[in-house]
């Protein structure tokens, strides 16, 4: 090879290396990501398992893409660690009616010794919706749970499944006035997906926009955003609370609600 040809060859090789290093790495496909998650879910390290299950709560690209690992997620609902069982319930509930085969598992977890698991399983049953009607007798027992949050969540879930509103809404509205900030914001969260059914609680949600607890204000504002037109009576309260709110995230939610409700 003459000198000229050698120089050309070297330059071509360097260009190839440069282009290769500059090219962005290909993102893993959904099946590849799921395979990695499933492997992590089997780890002996609880933190690794917890993080892995957490990735399925809102799977990047959409829950539909995570359907192939429902069996693995169902197994995670039986994990020895309560926080993992709770997160697995939340992730499974986000598949809505596609999780109907798991209703018996949710029912069993309504009696779990961990209150977070009981709360998450009740909420998940509500997200399954009408296909979870077989759980109503057990959920009625959950409305008498020793934990106030479990009780409120169970009432809201029963409404979503199809139980009479008048029998369950009052308990959620009462929760908005509870002495515990945790119960207040969980009650606000429970109203969020109920649409027009939540109308009797809108004014109280407006009052909670100035609650001393950050999370209560956050979830009240978030509920008003997602209730749409049903939340219109709270518009004056939203505008007044927005002027006083110090937290950026809460102001953002209030701004979103105001934009949505302003004619």
Protein backbone atom coordinates (compact mmCIF):
# COMPACT_ATOMS: atom_id res chain seq x y z
CA UNK A 1 0.00 0.00 0.00
CA UNK A 2 1.49 3.39 -1.02
CA UNK A 3 1.69 6.36 1.35
CA UNK A 4 -1.38 8.05 -0.10
CA UNK A 5 -3.52 4.93 0.20
CA UNK A 6 -2.32 4.39 3.77
CA UNK A 7 -3.26 7.94 4.75
CA UNK A 8 -6.73 7.53 3.22
CA UNK A 9 -7.22 4.24 5.06
CA UNK A 10 -6.17 5.76 8.39
CA UNK A 11 -8.43 8.79 7.92
CA UNK A 12 -11.38 6.56 7.00
CA UNK A 13 -10.80 4.45 10.09
CA UNK A 14 -10.63 7.52 12.34
CA UNK A 15 -13.80 8.93 10.77
CA UNK A 16 -15.57 5.64 11.37
CA UNK A 17 -14.49 5.62 15.02
CA UNK A 18 -15.59 9.25 15.46
CA UNK A 19 -19.00 8.65 13.91
CA UNK A 20 -19.46 5.50 15.97
CA UNK A 21 -18.64 7.27 19.23
CA UNK A 22 -20.83 10.26 18.33
CA UNK A 23 -23.87 8.15 17.49
CA UNK A 24 -26.42 8.08 20.33
CA UNK A 25 -26.85 4.75 22.09
CA UNK A 26 -30.02 2.94 21.13
CA UNK A 27 -32.63 2.97 23.85
CA UNK A 28 -33.69 -0.47 25.11
CA UNK A 29 -36.96 -1.73 23.68
CA UNK A 30 -39.98 -2.36 25.90
CA UNK A 31 -39.37 -6.14 25.94
CA UNK A 32 -35.74 -5.54 26.90
CA UNK A 33 -36.74 -3.19 29.71
CA UNK A 34 -39.34 -5.66 30.95
CA UNK A 35 -36.81 -8.49 30.94
CA UNK A 36 -34.47 -6.39 33.08
CA UNK A 37 -37.29 -5.50 35.47
CA UNK A 38 -38.37 -9.12 35.86
CA UNK A 39 -34.79 -10.09 36.65
CA UNK A 40 -34.60 -7.35 39.29
CA UNK A 41 -37.94 -8.45 40.78
CA UNK A 42 -36.30 -11.77 41.61
CA UNK A 43 -33.36 -10.17 43.41
CA UNK A 44 -32.67 -11.15 47.05
CA UNK A 45 -32.17 -7.43 47.73
CA UNK A 46 -35.48 -5.89 48.84
CA UNK A 47 -34.48 -2.42 47.62
CA UNK A 48 -33.79 -3.76 44.14
CA UNK A 49 -37.15 -5.58 44.11
CA UNK A 50 -38.97 -2.49 45.36
CA UNK A 51 -37.41 -0.26 42.71
CA UNK A 52 -38.19 -2.80 39.99
CA UNK A 53 -41.86 -3.06 40.94
CA UNK A 54 -42.03 0.72 41.14
CA UNK A 55 -41.06 0.94 37.46
CA UNK A 56 -44.31 -0.85 36.62
CA UNK A 57 -46.55 1.67 38.39
CA UNK A 58 -46.30 3.98 35.37
CA UNK A 59 -44.42 2.00 32.75
CA UNK A 60 -42.59 4.27 30.34
CA UNK A 61 -44.41 4.16 27.02
CA UNK A 62 -47.74 3.06 28.51
CA UNK A 63 -49.14 0.32 30.73
CA UNK A 64 -50.25 -1.72 27.71
CA UNK A 65 -46.61 -2.45 26.94
CA UNK A 66 -46.16 -4.04 30.38
CA UNK A 67 -48.99 -6.57 30.01
CA UNK A 68 -46.54 -9.46 29.38
CA UNK A 69 -45.31 -9.26 32.99
CA UNK A 70 -48.68 -9.35 34.80
CA UNK A 71 -47.91 -12.83 36.16
CA UNK A 72 -44.62 -11.56 37.61
CA UNK A 73 -46.37 -8.56 39.13
CA UNK A 74 -49.00 -10.83 40.63
CA UNK A 75 -46.20 -12.78 42.26
CA UNK A 76 -44.79 -9.54 43.67
CA UNK A 77 -48.13 -9.00 45.42
CA UNK A 78 -47.13 -12.00 47.56
CA UNK A 79 -43.66 -10.64 48.43
CA UNK A 80 -42.56 -11.01 52.06
CA UNK A 81 -42.07 -7.22 52.32
CA UNK A 82 -45.17 -5.12 52.88
CA UNK A 83 -44.00 -2.08 50.95
CA UNK A 84 -43.34 -4.24 47.90
CA UNK A 85 -46.79 -5.81 48.16
CA UNK A 86 -48.32 -2.34 48.39
CA UNK A 87 -46.49 -0.97 45.34
CA UNK A 88 -47.29 -4.14 43.39
CA UNK A 89 -50.99 -3.61 44.16
CA UNK A 90 -50.77 -0.03 42.91
CA UNK A 91 -49.01 -1.11 39.71
CA UNK A 92 -51.53 -3.89 39.11
CA UNK A 93 -54.46 -1.55 39.70
CA UNK A 94 -53.14 0.73 36.97
CA UNK A 95 -54.01 -1.97 34.45
CA UNK A 96 -57.68 -1.33 35.35
CA UNK A 97 -60.08 -3.91 33.86
CA UNK A 98 -57.16 -5.91 32.46
CA UNK A 99 -56.35 -6.83 36.07
CA UNK A 100 -59.76 -8.44 36.68
CA UNK A 101 -58.23 -11.92 36.97
CA UNK A 102 -56.30 -10.66 40.00
CA UNK A 103 -59.43 -9.59 41.96
CA UNK A 104 -59.20 -12.66 44.28
CA UNK A 105 -55.64 -11.62 45.19
CA UNK A 106 -56.75 -8.07 45.95
CA UNK A 107 -59.56 -9.41 48.14
CA UNK A 108 -57.10 -11.47 50.14
CA UNK A 109 -54.86 -8.45 50.62
CA UNK A 110 -57.73 -6.45 52.10
CA UNK A 111 -56.90 -8.47 55.22
CA UNK A 112 -53.13 -7.95 55.01
CA UNK A 113 -51.44 -7.02 58.33
CA UNK A 114 -49.87 -3.98 56.63
CA UNK A 115 -52.29 -1.05 56.41
CA UNK A 116 -50.57 0.33 53.28
CA UNK A 117 -51.20 -2.97 51.52
CA UNK A 118 -54.86 -2.91 52.55
CA UNK A 119 -55.18 0.66 51.32
CA UNK A 120 -53.50 -0.05 47.97
CA UNK A 121 -55.49 -3.23 47.34
CA UNK A 122 -58.76 -1.39 48.02
CA UNK A 123 -57.79 1.42 45.64
CA UNK A 124 -56.74 -1.11 43.00
CA UNK A 125 -60.13 -2.81 43.18
CA UNK A 126 -61.75 0.55 42.49
CA UNK A 127 -59.58 0.97 39.42
CA UNK A 128 -60.58 -2.46 38.14
CA UNK A 129 -64.14 -1.11 38.27
CA UNK A 130 -67.32 -3.08 37.57
CA UNK A 131 -65.36 -6.30 37.01
CA UNK A 132 -64.50 -6.25 40.73
CA UNK A 133 -68.11 -6.54 41.97
CA UNK A 134 -67.33 -9.87 43.57
CA UNK A 135 -65.15 -7.95 46.04
CA UNK A 136 -67.96 -5.73 47.36
CA UNK A 137 -68.79 -7.85 50.45
CA UNK A 138 -65.14 -7.84 51.54
CA UNK A 139 -64.81 -4.17 50.74
CA UNK A 140 -67.80 -3.42 52.93
CA UNK A 141 -65.78 -4.95 55.77
CA UNK A 142 -62.82 -2.77 54.76
CA UNK A 143 -64.96 0.34 55.31
CA UNK A 144 -64.82 -0.63 59.00
CA UNK A 145 -61.03 -1.10 59.02
CA UNK A 146 -59.15 0.15 62.08
CA UNK A 147 -57.19 2.53 59.83
CA UNK A 148 -59.03 5.70 58.78
CA UNK A 149 -57.31 5.94 55.37
CA UNK A 150 -58.21 2.35 54.48
CA UNK A 151 -61.83 3.14 55.36
CA UNK A 152 -61.98 6.23 53.15
CA UNK A 153 -60.24 4.51 50.23
CA UNK A 154 -62.58 1.53 50.49
CA UNK A 155 -65.65 3.79 50.35
CA UNK A 156 -64.32 5.53 47.23
CA UNK A 157 -63.40 2.25 45.57
CA UNK A 158 -66.87 0.85 46.18
CA UNK A 159 -68.39 3.85 44.40
CA UNK A 160 -66.15 3.23 41.40
CA UNK A 161 -67.20 -0.42 41.32
CA UNK A 162 -70.87 0.53 41.35
CA UNK A 163 -72.05 0.61 44.98
CA UNK A 164 -74.69 3.25 45.88
CA UNK A 165 -73.12 6.71 46.09
CA UNK A 166 -75.32 7.87 48.96
CA UNK A 167 -74.00 5.06 51.14
CA UNK A 168 -70.32 5.87 50.60
CA UNK A 169 -69.76 9.50 49.56
CA UNK A 170 -70.55 10.96 53.02
CA UNK A 171 -67.61 9.10 54.56
CA UNK A 172 -65.22 10.62 52.01
CA UNK A 173 -66.61 14.12 52.55
CA UNK A 174 -66.20 13.65 56.28
CA UNK A 175 -62.58 12.71 55.68
CA UNK A 176 -61.94 16.14 54.15
CA UNK A 177 -62.54 17.62 57.62
CA UNK A 178 -60.54 15.03 59.55
CA UNK A 179 -58.03 16.23 62.15
CA UNK A 180 -55.30 14.20 60.41
CA UNK A 181 -53.66 15.85 57.37
CA UNK A 182 -53.04 12.36 55.99
CA UNK A 183 -56.74 11.54 56.03
CA UNK A 184 -57.63 14.94 54.55
CA UNK A 185 -55.32 14.61 51.57
CA UNK A 186 -56.19 10.95 50.99
CA UNK A 187 -59.86 11.94 50.98
CA UNK A 188 -59.17 14.68 48.43
CA UNK A 189 -57.31 12.13 46.32
CA UNK A 190 -60.31 9.79 46.53
CA UNK A 191 -62.62 12.44 45.05
CA UNK A 192 -60.33 13.05 42.08
CA UNK A 193 -61.56 10.23 39.79
CA UNK A 194 -65.25 10.46 40.72
CA UNK A 195 -66.29 13.19 38.29
CA UNK A 196 -69.75 14.68 38.88
CA UNK A 197 -70.25 12.39 41.87
CA UNK A 198 -67.65 14.52 43.70
CA UNK A 199 -69.65 17.75 43.26
CA UNK A 200 -70.78 17.93 46.92
CA UNK A 201 -67.11 18.04 47.97
CA UNK A 202 -65.91 20.77 45.59
CA UNK A 203 -66.40 23.72 47.93
CA UNK A 204 -64.56 21.92 50.71
CA UNK A 205 -61.72 21.15 48.31
CA UNK A 206 -61.60 24.89 47.64
CA UNK A 207 -61.24 25.59 51.35
CA UNK A 208 -58.45 23.03 51.64
CA UNK A 209 -56.38 25.01 49.11
CA UNK A 210 -55.24 27.12 52.07
CA UNK A 211 -54.75 24.19 54.45
CA UNK A 212 -51.54 24.46 56.53
CA UNK A 213 -50.39 21.09 55.19
CA UNK A 214 -48.55 21.13 51.85
CA UNK A 215 -49.88 17.74 50.71
CA UNK A 216 -53.47 18.63 51.54
CA UNK A 217 -53.18 21.71 49.32
CA UNK A 218 -51.46 19.68 46.62
CA UNK A 219 -54.05 16.91 46.42
CA UNK A 220 -56.96 19.33 46.70
CA UNK A 221 -55.64 21.36 43.77
CA UNK A 222 -54.91 18.20 41.80
CA UNK A 223 -58.43 16.92 42.40
CA UNK A 224 -59.89 20.20 41.15
CA UNK A 225 -57.76 20.02 38.00
CA UNK A 226 -59.00 16.55 37.17
CA UNK A 227 -62.62 17.12 38.11
CA UNK A 228 -62.93 19.61 35.26
CA UNK A 229 -66.27 21.42 34.96
CA UNK A 230 -67.48 19.82 38.18
CA UNK A 231 -64.88 21.96 39.99
CA UNK A 232 -66.12 25.31 38.63
CA UNK A 233 -67.66 26.46 41.98
CA UNK A 234 -64.12 26.38 43.43
CA UNK A 235 -62.73 28.89 40.90
CA UNK A 236 -62.84 31.92 43.24
CA UNK A 237 -61.11 29.90 45.97
CA UNK A 238 -58.47 28.76 43.47
CA UNK A 239 -57.66 32.33 42.43
CA UNK A 240 -57.43 33.52 46.03
CA UNK A 241 -55.30 30.55 47.13
CA UNK A 242 -52.97 30.97 44.14
CA UNK A 243 -51.97 34.42 45.40
CA UNK A 244 -50.90 32.97 48.76
CA UNK A 245 -49.34 29.65 47.71
CA UNK A 246 -45.56 29.45 48.22
CA UNK A 247 -44.80 26.05 46.70
CA UNK A 248 -44.05 25.95 42.97
CA UNK A 249 -45.71 22.58 42.34
CA UNK A 250 -48.88 23.63 44.12
CA UNK A 251 -48.99 26.93 42.23
CA UNK A 252 -48.63 25.00 38.99
CA UNK A 253 -51.62 22.81 39.83
CA UNK A 254 -53.69 25.82 40.81
CA UNK A 255 -52.74 27.60 37.59
CA UNK A 256 -53.76 24.53 35.59
CA UNK A 257 -57.13 24.39 37.34
CA UNK A 258 -57.73 28.11 36.84
CA UNK A 259 -56.94 27.86 33.12
CA UNK A 260 -59.21 24.85 32.78
CA UNK A 261 -62.14 26.50 34.57
CA UNK A 262 -61.89 30.06 33.27
CA UNK A 263 -64.43 30.64 30.48
